[in-house]
C-alpha cells in the first residue's frame, strides 16, 4: 500500500435514517426477548409458577414501553445539547467538528424519536407482543433443556465405581424425572401449547 492510497479520502456514505432505526429496533427487540426469557425461567424455576402467557405479555409491554421512554428521554437530552451548541453560533465561529456535531445531534434526535415511536407502537400491537412472548418462551425452553442435558451428563457414572449399585436407584429416578420433563416440554411445544411448569 502506497502513501497515496493510505491517505486517499474514503467517500462518506450516508446511511438512511430508516435503516438506523430498523437496526436500533432489532437490538431493542433482542433485549426485550432476553429480559422476558429470563423472567420466564425465573418464574418457573425460582417461583415454581405455571407459565402465564398474560403475565409475560405484560412484561413484554413493560419492557417495550421502558425502552421507548429511554429513547424519548435521550431524544430530549440530544435536543438540549444541540440547542446549546446552536446558541454558540451567534457568539463564536464554529469549527468543522462542531458543525458536524450539529448535524449528528439532529440525526440522533430524529433516530431516538422514531425509535421511541416504533417501540410504543409495538407495545400496543397484541400480535407483535404475542410473537415476542412466543420467541422468549422458545428461548427459555431451549435454555432449560440445555441445562437439563448438562446436568444429565454430570450424572453419568462409571458402572465400575464402587458406589454404583448404592446410588443406582437415585440416578435412575433423576434420569426418569429429567427425561419426562423434557418429553413434556417437547410435547407441549409440538402441540403449540405453552402451558406447564418449567
Protein backbone atom coordinates (compact mmCIF):
# COMPACT_ATOMS: atom_id res chain seq x y z
CA UNK A 1 0.00 0.00 0.00
CA UNK A 2 1.46 3.34 -1.00
CA UNK A 3 1.25 6.62 0.84
CA UNK A 4 -1.22 7.89 -1.75
CA UNK A 5 -3.65 5.03 -1.14
CA UNK A 6 -3.25 5.26 2.63
CA UNK A 7 -4.29 8.90 2.67
CA UNK A 8 -6.96 8.73 -0.01
CA UNK A 9 -10.28 10.06 1.19
CA UNK A 10 -12.94 7.45 1.67
CA UNK A 11 -16.26 8.81 0.41
CA UNK A 12 -18.76 9.38 3.22
CA UNK A 13 -21.84 7.25 2.63
CA UNK A 14 -24.97 8.38 4.44
CA UNK A 15 -26.97 5.58 5.91
CA UNK A 16 -30.72 6.15 5.58
CA UNK A 17 -32.39 7.03 8.87
CA UNK A 18 -34.90 4.22 8.35
CA UNK A 19 -32.05 1.70 8.35
CA UNK A 20 -30.57 3.17 11.53
CA UNK A 21 -33.98 2.98 13.23
CA UNK A 22 -34.55 -0.58 11.97
CA UNK A 23 -31.19 -1.71 13.34
CA UNK A 24 -31.87 0.02 16.66
CA UNK A 25 -35.25 -1.70 16.79
CA UNK A 26 -33.65 -5.10 16.20
CA UNK A 27 -31.26 -4.50 19.09
CA UNK A 28 -34.11 -3.31 21.34
CA UNK A 29 -36.27 -6.35 20.46
CA UNK A 30 -33.39 -8.69 21.22
CA UNK A 31 -33.05 -7.03 24.63
CA UNK A 32 -36.80 -7.39 25.28
CA UNK A 33 -36.78 -11.08 24.30
CA UNK A 34 -33.83 -11.75 26.60
CA UNK A 35 -35.46 -9.96 29.55
CA UNK A 36 -38.75 -11.85 29.07
CA UNK A 37 -36.90 -15.15 28.59
CA UNK A 38 -35.14 -14.60 31.91
CA UNK A 39 -38.46 -13.72 33.55
CA UNK A 40 -39.98 -16.97 32.24
CA UNK A 41 -37.08 -19.04 33.59
CA UNK A 42 -37.14 -17.33 36.99
CA UNK A 43 -40.92 -17.73 37.23
CA UNK A 44 -40.68 -21.44 36.53
CA UNK A 45 -37.57 -22.41 38.43
CA UNK A 46 -37.41 -19.99 41.35
CA UNK A 47 -41.08 -19.18 41.86
CA UNK A 48 -42.42 -22.60 40.76
CA UNK A 49 -45.15 -20.72 38.89
CA UNK A 50 -47.07 -22.10 35.94
CA UNK A 51 -46.47 -20.49 32.57
CA UNK A 52 -48.76 -17.46 32.37
CA UNK A 53 -48.92 -16.00 28.88
CA UNK A 54 -50.75 -12.86 30.12
CA UNK A 55 -48.05 -12.19 32.73
CA UNK A 56 -45.28 -12.40 30.17
CA UNK A 57 -47.23 -10.34 27.62
CA UNK A 58 -47.48 -7.60 30.24
CA UNK A 59 -43.75 -7.93 31.00
CA UNK A 60 -43.05 -7.59 27.26
CA UNK A 61 -45.20 -4.45 27.01
CA UNK A 62 -43.46 -3.01 30.08
CA UNK A 63 -40.01 -3.64 28.56
CA UNK A 64 -41.04 -2.08 25.23
CA UNK A 65 -42.51 0.97 26.95
CA UNK A 66 -39.44 1.35 29.16
CA UNK A 67 -37.16 1.34 26.10
CA UNK A 68 -39.49 3.82 24.37
CA UNK A 69 -39.22 6.14 27.39
CA UNK A 70 -35.42 5.80 27.40
CA UNK A 71 -35.32 6.80 23.74
CA UNK A 72 -37.72 9.70 24.30
CA UNK A 73 -35.52 10.94 27.17
CA UNK A 74 -32.38 10.50 25.06
CA UNK A 75 -34.01 12.47 22.25
CA UNK A 76 -34.75 15.31 24.66
CA UNK A 77 -31.21 15.26 26.02
CA UNK A 78 -29.79 15.39 22.49
CA UNK A 79 -32.18 18.24 21.63
CA UNK A 80 -30.87 20.23 24.61
CA UNK A 81 -27.25 19.54 23.59
CA UNK A 82 -27.97 20.68 20.04
CA UNK A 83 -29.77 23.79 21.27
CA UNK A 84 -26.77 24.71 23.43
CA UNK A 85 -24.36 24.20 20.55
CA UNK A 86 -26.63 26.15 18.18
CA UNK A 87 -26.73 29.08 20.58
CA UNK A 88 -22.93 29.25 20.34
CA UNK A 89 -23.12 30.03 16.61
CA UNK A 90 -24.11 33.63 17.46
CA UNK A 91 -21.10 34.12 19.72
CA UNK A 92 -18.35 32.12 18.05
CA UNK A 93 -17.36 30.76 14.72
CA UNK A 94 -17.91 27.02 14.97
CA UNK A 95 -15.23 24.62 13.84
CA UNK A 96 -15.91 21.99 11.21
CA UNK A 97 -16.17 19.39 14.00
CA UNK A 98 -18.77 21.46 15.82
CA UNK A 99 -20.78 21.92 12.63
CA UNK A 100 -20.62 18.17 12.11
CA UNK A 101 -21.76 17.70 15.72
CA UNK A 102 -24.83 19.85 14.96
CA UNK A 103 -25.76 17.58 12.06
CA UNK A 104 -25.09 14.43 14.11
CA UNK A 105 -27.15 15.68 17.04
CA UNK A 106 -30.05 16.45 14.70
CA UNK A 107 -29.83 12.94 13.24
CA UNK A 108 -29.56 11.33 16.69
CA UNK A 109 -32.65 13.18 17.90
CA UNK A 110 -34.64 12.03 14.86
CA UNK A 111 -33.47 8.44 15.40
CA UNK A 112 -34.43 8.48 19.09
CA UNK A 113 -37.86 9.96 18.30
CA UNK A 114 -38.60 7.37 15.60
CA UNK A 115 -37.31 4.51 17.70
CA UNK A 116 -39.43 5.60 20.68
CA UNK A 117 -42.49 5.76 18.41
CA UNK A 118 -41.78 2.33 16.91
CA UNK A 119 -41.36 0.77 20.37
CA UNK A 120 -44.60 2.34 21.65
CA UNK A 121 -46.42 1.05 18.57
CA UNK A 122 -45.06 -2.45 19.16
CA UNK A 123 -46.14 -2.32 22.81
CA UNK A 124 -49.69 -1.56 21.62
CA UNK A 125 -49.71 -4.34 18.99
CA UNK A 126 -51.09 -7.55 20.55
CA UNK A 127 -49.84 -9.75 17.68
CA UNK A 128 -46.28 -8.43 17.97
CA UNK A 129 -46.32 -8.77 21.76
CA UNK A 130 -47.59 -12.37 21.42
CA UNK A 131 -44.83 -13.12 18.87
CA UNK A 132 -42.16 -11.73 21.22
CA UNK A 133 -43.54 -13.77 24.13
CA UNK A 134 -43.55 -16.94 21.99
CA UNK A 135 -39.94 -16.31 20.92
CA UNK A 136 -38.91 -15.69 24.54
CA UNK A 137 -40.73 -18.85 25.66
CA UNK A 138 -38.97 -20.89 22.97
CA UNK A 139 -35.58 -19.48 24.02
CA UNK A 140 -36.36 -20.19 27.70
CA UNK A 141 -37.37 -23.75 26.83
CA UNK A 142 -34.11 -24.31 24.91
CA UNK A 143 -32.03 -22.88 27.75
CA UNK A 144 -33.74 -25.09 30.33
CA UNK A 145 -33.31 -28.14 28.09
CA UNK A 146 -29.61 -27.37 27.64
CA UNK A 147 -29.20 -27.05 31.41
CA UNK A 148 -31.00 -30.38 31.92
CA UNK A 149 -28.80 -32.10 29.37
CA UNK A 150 -25.71 -30.70 31.07
CA UNK A 151 -26.92 -31.94 34.41
CA UNK A 152 -27.65 -35.40 33.00
CA UNK A 153 -24.16 -35.56 31.55
CA UNK A 154 -22.75 -34.86 35.02
CA UNK A 155 -24.90 -37.68 36.42
CA UNK A 156 -23.48 -40.32 34.10
CA UNK A 157 -21.34 -42.56 36.22
CA UNK A 158 -18.92 -45.35 35.55
CA UNK A 159 -20.55 -48.74 36.34
CA UNK A 160 -17.21 -49.88 37.77
CA UNK A 161 -17.47 -47.23 40.50
CA UNK A 162 -17.73 -48.96 43.93
CA UNK A 163 -20.80 -46.89 44.87
CA UNK A 164 -22.53 -47.53 41.55
CA UNK A 165 -25.07 -50.00 42.92
CA UNK A 166 -25.64 -47.95 46.06
CA UNK A 167 -26.74 -44.81 44.17
CA UNK A 168 -28.27 -46.53 41.15
CA UNK A 169 -31.89 -46.05 42.24
CA UNK A 170 -31.34 -42.30 42.84
CA UNK A 171 -29.74 -41.84 39.45
CA UNK A 172 -32.45 -43.82 37.69
CA UNK A 173 -35.15 -41.70 39.33
CA UNK A 174 -33.31 -38.49 38.35
CA UNK A 175 -32.94 -39.67 34.74
CA UNK A 176 -36.66 -40.50 34.61
CA UNK A 177 -37.70 -37.14 36.05
CA UNK A 178 -35.49 -35.18 33.67
CA UNK A 179 -36.48 -37.30 30.66
CA UNK A 180 -40.18 -36.96 31.47
CA UNK A 181 -39.81 -33.19 31.89
CA UNK A 182 -38.03 -32.94 28.52
CA UNK A 183 -40.67 -35.10 26.84
CA UNK A 184 -43.42 -32.89 28.30
CA UNK A 185 -41.68 -29.73 27.04
CA UNK A 186 -41.34 -31.22 23.56
CA UNK A 187 -44.94 -32.44 23.53
CA UNK A 188 -46.25 -29.03 24.64
CA UNK A 189 -44.12 -27.29 22.04
CA UNK A 190 -45.27 -29.67 19.29
CA UNK A 191 -48.90 -29.18 20.27
CA UNK A 192 -48.42 -25.42 20.21
CA UNK A 193 -49.13 -25.16 23.91
CA UNK A 194 -47.05 -23.08 26.23
CA UNK A 195 -48.65 -24.31 29.41
CA UNK A 196 -46.87 -26.16 32.17
CA UNK A 197 -44.12 -25.76 34.67
CA UNK A 198 -40.56 -25.02 33.77
